Amino acid sequence: MAMAQPKMDLPAQDVAPAAVSVEHLDVRFGTGLSQFTALKDVSVTIPKGALVTMIGPSGCGKSTLLRCIADLVHISDGSISVLGQTPQKAREGRDFAFVFQEATLLPWRSVLDNVRLPLEVGRRGETQNYADPERLLALVGLKGRENALPHELSGGQRQRVAIARALVSRPRILLMDEPFGALDEITRDKLNEELLRLWKETGTTIVFVTHSIPEAVFLGEYVLMLAAHPGRVKEFLKVDLPSERTLAIRDTVEFIRITAHLRRLLEEC
């Protein structure tokens, strides 16, 4: 009589827990003949603590997917789980924060008071552990500018304030929709390096939308590429580059190989 083989369980570290799980997601806008399908059968799992960049042609639904995760867009079919709960519950619990392309600072409030804003509005849980606004400003390189008004800052500095404001509630997930798209290349490069440093220091899961393939590869542990018409997953790529990255990595053969691969995929979308 043959002996039963022992059951083999995967080690826990081989299965990364999910920060966001998207299953067969459809998003449609309008009705009848005017109905438009923005996303079709999108499934992807974003691991906790990962930095995932999202690219694709215009109109592929990158921002729509980000807004679905943030409970800002109605889901037609499928499901999204954010830290094991619905996007609505995650939003109500302030488990994520959103950074847009524009910093959207209140012009009459100082830098420090803009960062403090989430502490003053919305529902505050009794056990909510907020970060120190002044420490966050130092973390994003704005120590000494606490009392400045937004119009006294450069575009890159205003985005630093927006990132500090997003982090003040200690979100477990940071959603970023082309936050550096309107900045010049040098400022953008500096903020890319700053974002990687912040990510490593805070351990926050980040989902970052961009139109730039080099930016997506430089920042991402994973790159999610969407195809268009309708929006759907083209590839979810693990970026095989060292975790410690400087701008010099963009001149390496491996970086160029990955960007060339993604560019070919983008041309097929």
C-alpha atoms as a PDB file:
ATOM      1  CA  MET A   1       0.000   0.000   0.000  1.00  0.00           C
ATOM      2  CA  ALA A   2       1.474   3.297  -1.109  1.00  0.00           C
ATOM      3  CA  MET A   3       2.067   5.861   1.590  1.00  0.00           C
ATOM      4  CA  ALA A   4       0.309   9.205   1.238  1.00  0.00           C
ATOM      5  CA  GLN A   5       2.644  11.979   0.220  1.00  0.00           C
ATOM      6  CA  PRO A   6       2.955  14.791   2.780  1.00  0.00           C
ATOM      7  CA  LYS A   7       1.188  18.007   1.833  1.00  0.00           C
ATOM      8  CA  MET A   8       3.631  20.665   0.730  1.00  0.00           C
ATOM      9  CA  ASP A   9       2.808  24.196   1.854  1.00  0.00           C
ATOM     10  CA  LEU A  10       4.549  27.170   0.313  1.00  0.00           C
ATOM     11  CA  PRO A  11       6.672  29.119   2.773  1.00  0.00           C
ATOM     12  CA  ALA A  12       4.877  32.250   3.919  1.00  0.00           C
ATOM     13  CA  GLN A  13       7.530  34.521   2.463  1.00  0.00           C
ATOM     14  CA  ASP A  14       6.907  33.130  -1.032  1.00  0.00           C
ATOM     15  CA  VAL A  15       3.384  34.525  -1.115  1.00  0.00           C
ATOM     16  CA  ALA A  16       3.317  38.304  -0.781  1.00  0.00           C
ATOM     17  CA  PRO A  17       0.120  39.584   0.852  1.00  0.00           C
ATOM     18  CA  ALA A  18      -1.963  41.874  -1.314  1.00  0.00           C
ATOM     19  CA  ALA A  19      -2.438  45.585  -0.704  1.00  0.00           C
ATOM     20  CA  VAL A  20      -4.847  45.808  -3.652  1.00  0.00           C
ATOM     21  CA  SER A  21      -6.577  42.956  -5.459  1.00  0.00           C
ATOM     22  CA  VAL A  22      -8.502  43.710  -8.660  1.00  0.00           C
ATOM     23  CA  GLU A  23     -10.643  40.889 -10.062  1.00  0.00           C
ATOM     24  CA  HIS A  24     -12.288  40.962 -13.514  1.00  0.00           C
ATOM     25  CA  LEU A  25     -12.962  44.686 -13.278  1.00  0.00           C
ATOM     26  CA  ASP A  26     -15.222  46.377 -15.836  1.00  0.00           C
ATOM     27  CA  VAL A  27     -15.930  50.104 -15.873  1.00  0.00           C
ATOM     28  CA  ARG A  28     -18.487  51.554 -18.279  1.00  0.00           C
ATOM     29  CA  PHE A  29     -19.633  55.139 -18.663  1.00  0.00           C
ATOM     30  CA  GLY A  30     -22.923  56.289 -20.219  1.00  0.00           C
ATOM     31  CA  THR A  31     -25.852  54.178 -21.358  1.00  0.00           C
ATOM     32  CA  GLY A  32     -27.276  52.699 -24.550  1.00  0.00           C
ATOM     33  CA  LEU A  33     -25.566  53.681 -27.789  1.00  0.00           C
ATOM     34  CA  SER A  34     -23.434  56.244 -25.985  1.00  0.00           C
ATOM     35  CA  GLN A  35     -21.995  53.691 -23.551  1.00  0.00           C
ATOM     36  CA  PHE A  36     -18.198  53.617 -23.388  1.00  0.00           C
ATOM     37  CA  THR A  37     -16.109  50.812 -21.862  1.00  0.00           C
ATOM     38  CA  ALA A  38     -13.132  52.335 -20.068  1.00  0.00           C
ATOM     39  CA  LEU A  39     -11.808  49.112 -18.475  1.00  0.00           C
ATOM     40  CA  LYS A  40     -12.527  45.505 -19.450  1.00  0.00           C
ATOM     41  CA  ASP A  41     -11.759  42.362 -17.407  1.00  0.00           C
ATOM     42  CA  VAL A  42      -8.840  43.918 -15.513  1.00  0.00           C
ATOM     43  CA  SER A  43      -7.258  41.615 -12.928  1.00  0.00           C
ATOM     44  CA  VAL A  44      -4.076  42.461 -11.015  1.00  0.00           C
ATOM     45  CA  THR A  45      -2.655  42.007  -7.512  1.00  0.00           C
ATOM     46  CA  ILE A  46      -0.471  44.705  -5.961  1.00  0.00           C
ATOM     47  CA  PRO A  47       1.699  43.347  -3.116  1.00  0.00           C
ATOM     48  CA  LYS A  48       1.874  45.137   0.217  1.00  0.00           C
ATOM     49  CA  GLY A  49       4.843  47.465   0.440  1.00  0.00           C
ATOM     50  CA  ALA A  50       5.477  47.449  -3.320  1.00  0.00           C
ATOM     51  CA  LEU A  51       6.006  50.427  -5.591  1.00  0.00           C
ATOM     52  CA  VAL A  52       3.997  49.736  -8.745  1.00  0.00           C
ATOM     53  CA  THR A  53       4.099  52.086 -11.702  1.00  0.00           C
ATOM     54  CA  MET A  54       1.324  52.138 -14.296  1.00  0.00           C
ATOM     55  CA  ILE A  55       1.786  53.110 -17.944  1.00  0.00           C
ATOM     56  CA  GLY A  56      -0.110  52.810 -21.197  1.00  0.00           C
ATOM     57  CA  PRO A  57      -1.358  54.891 -24.131  1.00  0.00           C
ATOM     58  CA  SER A  58      -3.681  57.826 -23.589  1.00  0.00           C
ATOM     59  CA  GLY A  59      -7.228  56.669 -22.982  1.00  0.00           C
ATOM     60  CA  CYS A  60      -6.277  53.223 -21.658  1.00  0.00           C
ATOM     61  CA  GLY A  61      -7.842  53.865 -18.247  1.00  0.00           C
ATOM     62  CA  LYS A  62      -4.806  54.365 -15.992  1.00  0.00           C
ATOM     63  CA  SER A  63      -6.375  57.205 -14.034  1.00  0.00           C
ATOM     64  CA  THR A  64      -9.746  55.446 -14.056  1.00  0.00           C
ATOM     65  CA  LEU A  65      -8.235  52.342 -12.442  1.00  0.00           C
ATOM     66  CA  LEU A  66      -6.500  54.486  -9.826  1.00  0.00           C
ATOM     67  CA  ARG A  67      -9.775  56.247  -9.063  1.00  0.00           C
ATOM     68  CA  CYS A  68     -11.600  52.919  -8.772  1.00  0.00           C
ATOM     69  CA  ILE A  69      -9.120  51.856  -6.108  1.00  0.00           C
ATOM     70  CA  ALA A  70      -9.744  55.187  -4.365  1.00  0.00           C
ATOM     71  CA  ASP A  71     -13.542  54.742  -4.471  1.00  0.00           C
ATOM     72  CA  LEU A  72     -13.905  57.771  -6.757  1.00  0.00           C
ATOM     73  CA  VAL A  73     -15.327  55.907  -9.786  1.00  0.00           C
ATOM     74  CA  HIS A  74     -18.245  53.464  -9.820  1.00  0.00           C
ATOM     75  CA  ILE A  75     -17.381  49.860 -10.724  1.00  0.00           C
ATOM     76  CA  SER A  76     -19.670  48.249 -13.336  1.00  0.00           C
ATOM     77  CA  ASP A  77     -18.601  44.603 -12.822  1.00  0.00           C
ATOM     78  CA  GLY A  78     -15.927  42.709 -10.924  1.00  0.00           C
ATOM     79  CA  SER A  79     -14.436  43.652  -7.593  1.00  0.00           C
ATOM     80  CA  ILE A  80     -11.627  45.511  -5.858  1.00  0.00           C
ATOM     81  CA  SER A  81     -10.246  44.669  -2.429  1.00  0.00           C
ATOM     82  CA  VAL A  82      -8.073  47.246  -0.660  1.00  0.00           C
ATOM     83  CA  LEU A  83      -6.244  45.768   2.323  1.00  0.00           C
ATOM     84  CA  GLY A  84      -8.916  43.078   2.534  1.00  0.00           C
ATOM     85  CA  GLN A  85     -11.868  45.458   2.477  1.00  0.00           C
ATOM     86  CA  THR A  86     -13.918  47.460   0.009  1.00  0.00           C
ATOM     87  CA  PRO A  87     -12.497  50.703  -1.401  1.00  0.00           C
ATOM     88  CA  GLN A  88     -15.250  52.564   0.458  1.00  0.00           C
ATOM     89  CA  LYS A  89     -14.200  51.106   3.805  1.00  0.00           C
ATOM     90  CA  ALA A  90     -10.543  51.817   3.019  1.00  0.00           C
ATOM     91  CA  ARG A  91     -11.411  55.426   2.157  1.00  0.00           C
ATOM     92  CA  GLU A  92     -13.464  55.881   5.326  1.00  0.00           C
ATOM     93  CA  GLY A  93     -10.578  54.448   7.354  1.00  0.00           C
ATOM     94  CA  ARG A  94      -8.072  56.724   5.602  1.00  0.00           C
ATOM     95  CA  ASP A  95      -6.044  53.705   4.582  1.00  0.00           C
ATOM     96  CA  PHE A  96      -4.931  55.443   1.388  1.00  0.00           C
ATOM     97  CA  ALA A  97      -4.100  58.954   0.236  1.00  0.00           C
ATOM     98  CA  PHE A  98      -4.150  60.503  -3.243  1.00  0.00           C
ATOM     99  CA  VAL A  99      -1.610  62.809  -4.904  1.00  0.00           C
ATOM    100  CA  PHE A 100      -2.754  64.456  -8.153  1.00  0.00           C
ATOM    101  CA  GLN A 101      -0.771  66.073 -10.965  1.00  0.00           C
ATOM    102  CA  GLU A 102      -1.542  69.500  -9.513  1.00  0.00           C
ATOM    103  CA  ALA A 103      -0.559  70.087  -5.893  1.00  0.00           C
ATOM    104  CA  THR A 104      -3.951  71.771  -5.139  1.00  0.00           C
ATOM    105  CA  LEU A 105      -2.658  73.656  -2.111  1.00  0.00           C
ATOM    106  CA  LEU A 106      -4.815  76.276  -0.399  1.00  0.00           C
ATOM    107  CA  PRO A 107      -3.138  79.558  -1.439  1.00  0.00           C
ATOM    108  CA  TRP A 108      -3.949  81.437   1.782  1.00  0.00           C
ATOM    109  CA  ARG A 109      -2.465  78.773   4.061  1.00  0.00           C
ATOM    110  CA  SER A 110       1.205  78.343   4.851  1.00  0.00           C
ATOM    111  CA  VAL A 111       3.114  75.232   3.848  1.00  0.00           C
ATOM    112  CA  LEU A 112       2.794  73.817   7.365  1.00  0.00           C
ATOM    113  CA  ASP A 113      -0.921  74.584   7.560  1.00  0.00           C
ATOM    114  CA  ASN A 114      -1.488  72.897   4.181  1.00  0.00           C
ATOM    115  CA  VAL A 115       0.184  69.749   5.470  1.00  0.00           C
ATOM    116  CA  ARG A 116      -1.937  69.939   8.641  1.00  0.00           C
ATOM    117  CA  LEU A 117      -5.172  70.135   6.644  1.00  0.00           C
ATOM    118  CA  PRO A 118      -6.080  66.394   6.822  1.00  0.00           C
ATOM    119  CA  LEU A 119      -5.844  66.653  10.619  1.00  0.00           C
ATOM    120  CA  GLU A 120      -8.574  69.293  10.609  1.00  0.00           C
ATOM    121  CA  VAL A 121     -11.127  67.860   8.184  1.00  0.00           C
ATOM    122  CA  GLY A 122     -13.032  64.592   7.874  1.00  0.00           C
ATOM    123  CA  ARG A 123     -13.590  61.926  10.478  1.00  0.00           C
ATOM    124  CA  ARG A 124     -10.727  61.328  12.865  1.00  0.00           C
ATOM    125  CA  GLY A 125     -10.495  57.950  14.526  1.00  0.00           C
ATOM    126  CA  GLU A 126      -9.710  57.971  18.229  1.00  0.00           C
ATOM    127  CA  THR A 127      -6.751  55.660  17.643  1.00  0.00           C
ATOM    128  CA  GLN A 128      -5.524  57.413  14.478  1.00  0.00           C
ATOM    129  CA  ASN A 129      -1.760  57.810  14.651  1.00  0.00           C
ATOM    130  CA  TYR A 130      -0.897  60.908  12.648  1.00  0.00           C
ATOM    131  CA  ALA A 131       2.601  61.811  11.532  1.00  0.00           C
ATOM    132  CA  ASP A 132       4.272  65.018  12.666  1.00  0.00           C
ATOM    133  CA  PRO A 133       3.780  67.631   9.875  1.00  0.00           C
ATOM    134  CA  GLU A 134       7.064  69.367  10.602  1.00  0.00           C
ATOM    135  CA  ARG A 135       8.974  66.101  10.471  1.00  0.00           C
ATOM    136  CA  LEU A 136       7.329  65.268   7.146  1.00  0.00           C
ATOM    137  CA  LEU A 137       8.340  68.622   5.696  1.00  0.00           C
ATOM    138  CA  ALA A 138      11.909  67.919   6.746  1.00  0.00           C
ATOM    139  CA  LEU A 139      11.601  64.455   5.206  1.00  0.00           C
ATOM    140  CA  VAL A 140      10.616  65.933   1.814  1.00  0.00           C
ATOM    141  CA  GLY A 141      13.392  68.536   1.966  1.00  0.00           C
ATOM    142  CA  LEU A 142      11.384  71.612   2.977  1.00  0.00           C
ATOM    143  CA  LYS A 143      12.751  72.287   6.453  1.00  0.00           C
ATOM    144  CA  GLY A 144      12.832  76.056   6.908  1.00  0.00           C
ATOM    145  CA  ARG A 145       9.953  76.704   4.473  1.00  0.00           C
ATOM    146  CA  GLU A 146       7.154  75.889   6.929  1.00  0.00           C
ATOM    147  CA  ASN A 147       5.762  79.443   6.928  1.00  0.00           C
ATOM    148  CA  ALA A 148       6.022  80.064   3.174  1.00  0.00           C
ATOM    149  CA  LEU A 149       2.871  80.479   1.098  1.00  0.00           C
ATOM    150  CA  PRO A 150       2.316  78.280  -1.985  1.00  0.00           C
ATOM    151  CA  HIS A 151       2.999  81.119  -4.451  1.00  0.00           C
ATOM    152  CA  GLU A 152       6.461  81.482  -2.918  1.00  0.00           C
ATOM    153  CA  LEU A 153       7.388  77.918  -3.869  1.00  0.00           C
ATOM    154  CA  SER A 154       8.509  76.310  -7.116  1.00  0.00           C
ATOM    155  CA  GLY A 155       6.345  73.671  -8.805  1.00  0.00           C
ATOM    156  CA  GLY A 156       8.545  70.897  -7.465  1.00  0.00           C
ATOM    157  CA  GLN A 157       8.383  72.300  -3.928  1.00  0.00           C
ATOM    158  CA  ARG A 158       4.585  72.481  -4.104  1.00  0.00           C
ATOM    159  CA  GLN A 159       4.472  68.815  -5.076  1.00  0.00           C
ATOM    160  CA  ARG A 160       6.697  68.013  -2.096  1.00  0.00           C
ATOM    161  CA  VAL A 161       4.134  69.746   0.118  1.00  0.00           C
ATOM    162  CA  ALA A 162       1.340  67.697  -1.506  1.00  0.00           C
ATOM    163  CA  ILE A 163       3.234  64.471  -0.810  1.00  0.00           C
ATOM    164  CA  ALA A 164       3.861  65.482   2.822  1.00  0.00           C
ATOM    165  CA  ARG A 165       0.161  66.312   3.200  1.00  0.00           C
ATOM    166  CA  ALA A 166      -0.774  62.902   1.789  1.00  0.00           C
ATOM    167  CA  LEU A 167       1.548  61.147   4.257  1.00  0.00           C
ATOM    168  CA  VAL A 168       0.392  62.999   7.389  1.00  0.00           C
ATOM    169  CA  SER A 169      -2.391  60.489   8.079  1.00  0.00           C
ATOM    170  CA  ARG A 170       0.119  57.630   7.737  1.00  0.00           C
ATOM    171  CA  PRO A 171      -1.726  55.987   4.813  1.00  0.00           C
ATOM    172  CA  ARG A 172      -0.901  52.385   4.083  1.00  0.00           C
ATOM    173  CA  ILE A 173      -1.293  53.033   0.343  1.00  0.00           C
ATOM    174  CA  LEU A 174      -0.299  56.126  -1.634  1.00  0.00           C
ATOM    175  CA  LEU A 175      -2.029  56.628  -5.002  1.00  0.00           C
ATOM    176  CA  MET A 176      -0.220  59.047  -7.336  1.00  0.00           C
ATOM    177  CA  ASP A 177      -1.684  60.221 -10.646  1.00  0.00           C
ATOM    178  CA  GLU A 178       1.136  61.668 -12.780  1.00  0.00           C
ATOM    179  CA  PRO A 179       2.326  63.830  -9.873  1.00  0.00           C
ATOM    180  CA  PHE A 180       5.494  64.969 -11.680  1.00  0.00           C
ATOM    181  CA  GLY A 181       4.070  65.252 -15.197  1.00  0.00           C
ATOM    182  CA  ALA A 182       4.037  69.056 -15.309  1.00  0.00           C
ATOM    183  CA  LEU A 183       7.578  69.504 -13.970  1.00  0.00           C
ATOM    184  CA  ASP A 184      10.816  70.088 -15.840  1.00  0.00           C
ATOM    185  CA  GLU A 185      13.123  67.116 -16.342  1.00  0.00           C
ATOM    186  CA  ILE A 186      15.725  68.062 -13.710  1.00  0.00           C
ATOM    187  CA  THR A 187      13.097  68.673 -11.018  1.00  0.00           C
ATOM    188  CA  ARG A 188      11.328  65.477 -11.999  1.00  0.00           C
ATOM    189  CA  ASP A 189      14.544  63.469 -11.663  1.00  0.00           C
ATOM    190  CA  LYS A 190      15.169  64.884  -8.184  1.00  0.00           C
ATOM    191  CA  LEU A 191      11.640  64.075  -7.059  1.00  0.00           C
ATOM    192  CA  ASN A 192      11.947  60.543  -8.458  1.00  0.00           C
ATOM    193  CA  GLU A 193      14.957  59.987  -6.200  1.00  0.00           C
ATOM    194  CA  GLU A 194      13.136  61.611  -3.271  1.00  0.00           C
ATOM    195  CA  LEU A 195      10.109  59.382  -3.791  1.00  0.00           C
ATOM    196  CA  LEU A 196      12.253  56.227  -3.726  1.00  0.00           C
ATOM    197  CA  ARG A 197      13.852  57.409  -0.486  1.00  0.00           C
ATOM    198  CA  LEU A 198      10.461  58.188   1.081  1.00  0.00           C
ATOM    199  CA  TRP A 199       9.094  54.819  -0.022  1.00  0.00           C
ATOM    200  CA  LYS A 200      11.961  52.976   1.648  1.00  0.00           C
ATOM    201  CA  GLU A 201      11.675  55.044   4.841  1.00  0.00           C
ATOM    202  CA  THR A 202       7.899  54.748   5.217  1.00  0.00           C
ATOM    203  CA  GLY A 203       7.203  51.269   3.790  1.00  0.00           C
ATOM    204  CA  THR A 204       4.051  52.632   2.139  1.00  0.00           C
ATOM    205  CA  THR A 205       2.569  50.771  -0.837  1.00  0.00           C
ATOM    206  CA  ILE A 206       2.662  53.149  -3.824  1.00  0.00           C
ATOM    207  CA  VAL A 207       0.746  52.994  -7.100  1.00  0.00           C
ATOM    208  CA  PHE A 208       2.171  55.609  -9.477  1.00  0.00           C
ATOM    209  CA  VAL A 209       0.658  56.554 -12.853  1.00  0.00           C
ATOM    210  CA  THR A 210       3.006  57.997 -15.491  1.00  0.00           C
ATOM    211  CA  HIS A 211       3.312  58.478 -19.252  1.00  0.00           C
ATOM    212  CA  SER A 212       7.099  58.092 -19.090  1.00  0.00           C
ATOM    213  CA  ILE A 213       8.580  54.637 -19.645  1.00  0.00           C
ATOM    214  CA  PRO A 214      11.978  55.570 -18.130  1.00  0.00           C
ATOM    215  CA  GLU A 215      10.236  56.989 -15.056  1.00  0.00           C
ATOM    216  CA  ALA A 216       8.102  53.852 -14.740  1.00  0.00           C
ATOM    217  CA  VAL A 217      11.160  51.574 -14.867  1.00  0.00           C
ATOM    218  CA  PHE A 218      13.321  53.750 -12.598  1.00  0.00           C
ATOM    219  CA  LEU A 219      10.683  53.901  -9.856  1.00  0.00           C
ATOM    220  CA  GLY A 220       8.851  50.612 -10.140  1.00  0.00           C
ATOM    221  CA  GLU A 221       9.393  47.279  -8.485  1.00  0.00           C
ATOM    222  CA  TYR A 222       6.649  46.280 -10.899  1.00  0.00           C
ATOM    223  CA  VAL A 223       5.293  47.952 -14.035  1.00  0.00           C
ATOM    224  CA  LEU A 224       1.640  47.503 -14.940  1.00  0.00           C
ATOM    225  CA  MET A 225       1.010  48.247 -18.613  1.00  0.00           C
ATOM    226  CA  LEU A 226      -2.537  48.756 -19.846  1.00  0.00           C
ATOM    227  CA  ALA A 227      -3.676  48.504 -23.444  1.00  0.00           C
ATOM    228  CA  ALA A 228      -6.454  50.732 -24.804  1.00  0.00           C
ATOM    229  CA  HIS A 229      -9.898  50.433 -26.422  1.00  0.00           C
ATOM    230  CA  PRO A 230     -10.951  49.057 -24.021  1.00  0.00           C
ATOM    231  CA  GLY A 231      -8.483  49.413 -21.180  1.00  0.00           C
ATOM    232  CA  ARG A 232      -7.070  46.015 -20.198  1.00  0.00           C
ATOM    233  CA  VAL A 233      -3.899  44.518 -18.746  1.00  0.00           C
ATOM    234  CA  LYS A 234      -1.171  44.141 -21.351  1.00  0.00           C
ATOM    235  CA  GLU A 235       1.603  43.055 -18.972  1.00  0.00           C
ATOM    236  CA  PHE A 236       2.478  43.093 -15.279  1.00  0.00           C
ATOM    237  CA  LEU A 237       6.275  43.112 -15.263  1.00  0.00           C
ATOM    238  CA  LYS A 238       8.644  42.524 -12.347  1.00  0.00           C
ATOM    239  CA  VAL A 239      11.501  44.991 -12.811  1.00  0.00           C
ATOM    240  CA  ASP A 240      14.761  43.085 -12.503  1.00  0.00           C
ATOM    241  CA  LEU A 241      16.932  45.933 -11.229  1.00  0.00           C
ATOM    242  CA  PRO A 242      18.691  46.501  -7.869  1.00  0.00           C
ATOM    243  CA  SER A 243      16.439  47.968  -5.180  1.00  0.00           C
ATOM    244  CA  GLU A 244      19.004  50.686  -4.466  1.00  0.00           C
ATOM    245  CA  ARG A 245      18.778  52.962  -7.509  1.00  0.00           C
ATOM    246  CA  THR A 246      20.347  56.227  -8.575  1.00  0.00           C
ATOM    247  CA  LEU A 247      19.818  58.089 -11.818  1.00  0.00           C
ATOM    248  CA  ALA A 248      22.996  56.478 -13.165  1.00  0.00           C
ATOM    249  CA  ILE A 249      21.121  53.174 -13.471  1.00  0.00           C
ATOM    250  CA  ARG A 250      19.336  54.589 -16.525  1.00  0.00           C
ATOM    251  CA  ASP A 251      22.567  54.236 -18.492  1.00  0.00           C
ATOM    252  CA  THR A 252      22.930  50.521 -17.792  1.00  0.00           C
ATOM    253  CA  VAL A 253      22.314  47.820 -20.379  1.00  0.00           C
ATOM    254  CA  GLU A 254      19.599  46.158 -18.267  1.00  0.00           C
ATOM    255  CA  PHE A 255      17.654  49.404 -17.804  1.00  0.00           C
ATOM    256  CA  ILE A 256      17.792  50.096 -21.541  1.00  0.00           C
ATOM    257  CA  ARG A 257      16.690  46.525 -22.274  1.00  0.00           C
ATOM    258  CA  ILE A 258      13.638  46.824 -20.021  1.00  0.00           C
ATOM    259  CA  THR A 259      12.606  50.209 -21.412  1.00  0.00           C
ATOM    260  CA  ALA A 260      12.992  48.919 -24.975  1.00  0.00           C
ATOM    261  CA  HIS A 261      10.793  45.906 -24.154  1.00  0.00           C
ATOM    262  CA  LEU A 262       8.086  48.164 -22.686  1.00  0.00           C
ATOM    263  CA  ARG A 263       8.300  50.525 -25.651  1.00  0.00           C
ATOM    264  CA  ARG A 264       7.676  47.622 -28.032  1.00  0.00           C
ATOM    265  CA  LEU A 265       4.668  46.577 -25.969  1.00  0.00           C
ATOM    266  CA  LEU A 266       3.363  50.128 -25.964  1.00  0.00           C
ATOM    267  CA  GLU A 267       3.553  50.261 -29.740  1.00  0.00           C
ATOM    268  CA  GLU A 268       1.299  47.161 -29.852  1.00  0.00           C
ATOM    269  CA  CYS A 269      -1.352  48.692 -27.564  1.00  0.00           C
END
